Amino acid sequence: MKFPEGLYYTKDHEWLKVDGNQGTVGITDFAQSELGDIVYVDIDSLDNQVAKDEVFGSVEAVKTVSDLFMPVSGTVTESNPGLDDNPQAVNDDPYGEGWLVKITLDNPSDCESLLSAAEYAKMVGH
């Protein structure tokens, strides 16, 4: 199981990569392994302002649907177009090709309340 350094993690199993006031959001390797085969990704928040901890979409696996929670407040500027034809990318490469949305952060200091890779790994028992 991978927990890349340099990312922020949530207790709801999302990750956030920050570059200035821009961010990329996805679900963690742990989350995709718990969900199983992902068959559909629904992002219904494109161009919307989404508050920290609000739902910005969902992922559907063979046996369940799981809400996606925004790690920090921001505006969704892009969703991953590759997931329309290949939602399995979330399983295959959750920190790369399987990213979910790009956002403009309202307040980059919101990241201070998120978990480090080590803290997240400990939380999920690894």
Protein backbone atom coordinates (compact mmCIF):
# COMPACT_ATOMS: atom_id res chain seq x y z
CA MET A 1 0.00 0.00 0.00
CA LYS A 2 1.37 3.41 -0.97
CA PHE A 3 1.29 6.62 1.08
CA PRO A 4 3.28 9.17 -0.96
CA GLU A 5 5.07 11.90 0.98
CA GLY A 6 4.32 15.50 0.05
CA LEU A 7 0.56 14.97 -0.10
CA TYR A 8 -2.08 15.84 2.47
CA TYR A 9 -4.59 13.21 3.57
CA THR A 10 -8.07 13.28 5.11
CA LYS A 11 -9.74 10.96 7.58
CA ASP A 12 -12.26 10.30 4.79
CA HIS A 13 -9.46 8.83 2.60
CA GLU A 14 -8.95 11.63 0.09
CA TRP A 15 -5.52 13.04 -0.77
CA LEU A 16 -4.56 16.57 -1.81
CA LYS A 17 -1.49 17.70 -3.72
CA VAL A 18 -0.90 21.45 -3.46
CA ASP A 19 1.01 23.70 -5.86
CA GLY A 20 0.63 27.33 -4.76
CA ASN A 21 -3.12 27.94 -4.57
CA GLN A 22 -3.92 25.07 -6.93
CA GLY A 23 -4.67 21.55 -5.79
CA THR A 24 -5.31 18.08 -7.15
CA VAL A 25 -7.64 15.73 -5.25
CA GLY A 26 -8.05 11.96 -5.41
CA ILE A 27 -8.79 8.98 -3.20
CA THR A 28 -6.05 7.07 -1.45
CA ASP A 29 -4.65 3.66 -2.31
CA PHE A 30 -6.26 2.39 0.90
CA ALA A 31 -9.68 3.74 -0.16
CA GLN A 32 -9.59 2.23 -3.63
CA SER A 33 -8.54 -1.15 -2.22
CA GLU A 34 -11.43 -1.07 0.28
CA LEU A 35 -13.95 -0.12 -2.43
CA GLY A 36 -12.87 -2.75 -4.93
CA ASP A 37 -13.31 -2.38 -8.68
CA ILE A 38 -14.47 1.16 -9.47
CA VAL A 39 -16.94 1.22 -12.35
CA TYR A 40 -18.08 4.86 -12.41
CA VAL A 41 -16.93 8.26 -11.15
CA ASP A 42 -19.52 11.03 -10.81
CA ILE A 43 -18.19 14.56 -10.31
CA ASP A 44 -21.13 16.95 -10.05
CA SER A 45 -19.30 20.00 -8.73
CA LEU A 46 -17.37 21.33 -11.76
CA ASP A 47 -17.03 25.13 -11.59
CA ASN A 48 -18.64 25.13 -8.14
CA GLN A 49 -17.34 26.45 -4.84
CA VAL A 50 -17.16 23.50 -2.41
CA ALA A 51 -16.57 23.90 1.32
CA LYS A 52 -14.17 21.71 3.30
CA ASP A 53 -15.79 18.34 4.12
CA GLU A 54 -18.65 18.87 1.62
CA VAL A 55 -19.45 16.18 -0.96
CA PHE A 56 -18.06 16.99 -4.41
CA GLY A 57 -18.99 13.75 -6.18
CA SER A 58 -19.06 9.99 -5.75
CA VAL A 59 -17.35 6.82 -6.88
CA GLU A 60 -19.31 3.69 -7.68
CA ALA A 61 -17.73 0.30 -7.16
CA VAL A 62 -19.25 -3.05 -8.03
CA LYS A 63 -20.99 -3.38 -4.64
CA THR A 64 -21.16 0.15 -3.22
CA VAL A 65 -21.30 3.90 -3.87
CA SER A 66 -19.10 6.19 -1.81
CA ASP A 67 -19.30 9.97 -1.47
CA LEU A 68 -16.20 12.07 -2.09
CA PHE A 69 -15.43 14.79 0.46
CA MET A 70 -13.48 17.97 -0.32
CA PRO A 71 -10.30 18.14 1.81
CA VAL A 72 -10.21 21.97 1.81
CA SER A 73 -12.51 24.76 0.67
CA GLY A 74 -12.09 25.69 -2.96
CA THR A 75 -13.52 25.91 -6.46
CA VAL A 76 -13.49 22.82 -8.68
CA THR A 77 -11.80 23.91 -11.92
CA GLU A 78 -11.39 20.57 -13.69
CA SER A 79 -12.47 16.96 -13.43
CA ASN A 80 -10.40 14.10 -14.82
CA PRO A 81 -11.76 13.46 -18.34
CA GLY A 82 -9.95 10.12 -18.57
CA LEU A 83 -12.18 8.62 -15.89
CA ASP A 84 -15.25 8.76 -18.17
CA ASP A 85 -13.85 5.93 -20.29
CA ASN A 86 -11.53 4.40 -17.71
CA PRO A 87 -12.78 4.67 -14.09
CA GLN A 88 -10.48 1.71 -13.33
CA ALA A 89 -7.58 4.23 -13.37
CA VAL A 90 -8.60 5.13 -9.80
CA ASN A 91 -7.79 1.53 -8.80
CA ASP A 92 -4.69 1.20 -10.99
CA ASP A 93 -3.02 4.55 -10.25
CA PRO A 94 -4.86 6.48 -7.48
CA TYR A 95 -2.09 9.08 -7.07
CA GLY A 96 -1.45 9.56 -10.80
CA GLU A 97 -3.80 8.89 -13.71
CA GLY A 98 -6.66 8.26 -11.24
CA TRP A 99 -6.84 11.82 -9.87
CA LEU A 100 -10.40 13.13 -9.53
CA VAL A 101 -10.52 16.95 -9.58
CA LYS A 102 -8.33 20.03 -9.70
CA ILE A 103 -9.26 22.94 -7.47
CA THR A 104 -8.33 26.50 -6.65
CA LEU A 105 -7.87 26.64 -2.89
CA ASP A 106 -9.72 29.38 -1.00
CA ASN A 107 -7.21 29.34 1.83
CA PRO A 108 -4.01 27.25 1.52
CA SER A 109 -3.63 27.32 5.33
CA ASP A 110 -6.63 24.91 5.45
CA CYS A 111 -4.04 22.20 4.70
CA GLU A 112 -2.66 22.54 8.22
CA SER A 113 -5.63 20.54 9.55
CA LEU A 114 -4.96 17.58 7.22
CA LEU A 115 -2.87 14.48 7.89
CA SER A 116 0.69 13.77 6.76
CA ALA A 117 1.52 10.51 4.97
CA ALA A 118 2.83 9.01 8.23
CA GLU A 119 -0.24 10.12 10.21
CA TYR A 120 -2.60 8.72 7.57
CA ALA A 121 -0.72 5.42 7.33
CA LYS A 122 -0.93 5.06 11.10
CA MET A 123 -4.66 5.88 11.04
CA VAL A 124 -5.39 3.07 8.56
CA GLY A 125 -3.15 0.64 10.41
CA HIS A 126 -0.07 0.53 8.15
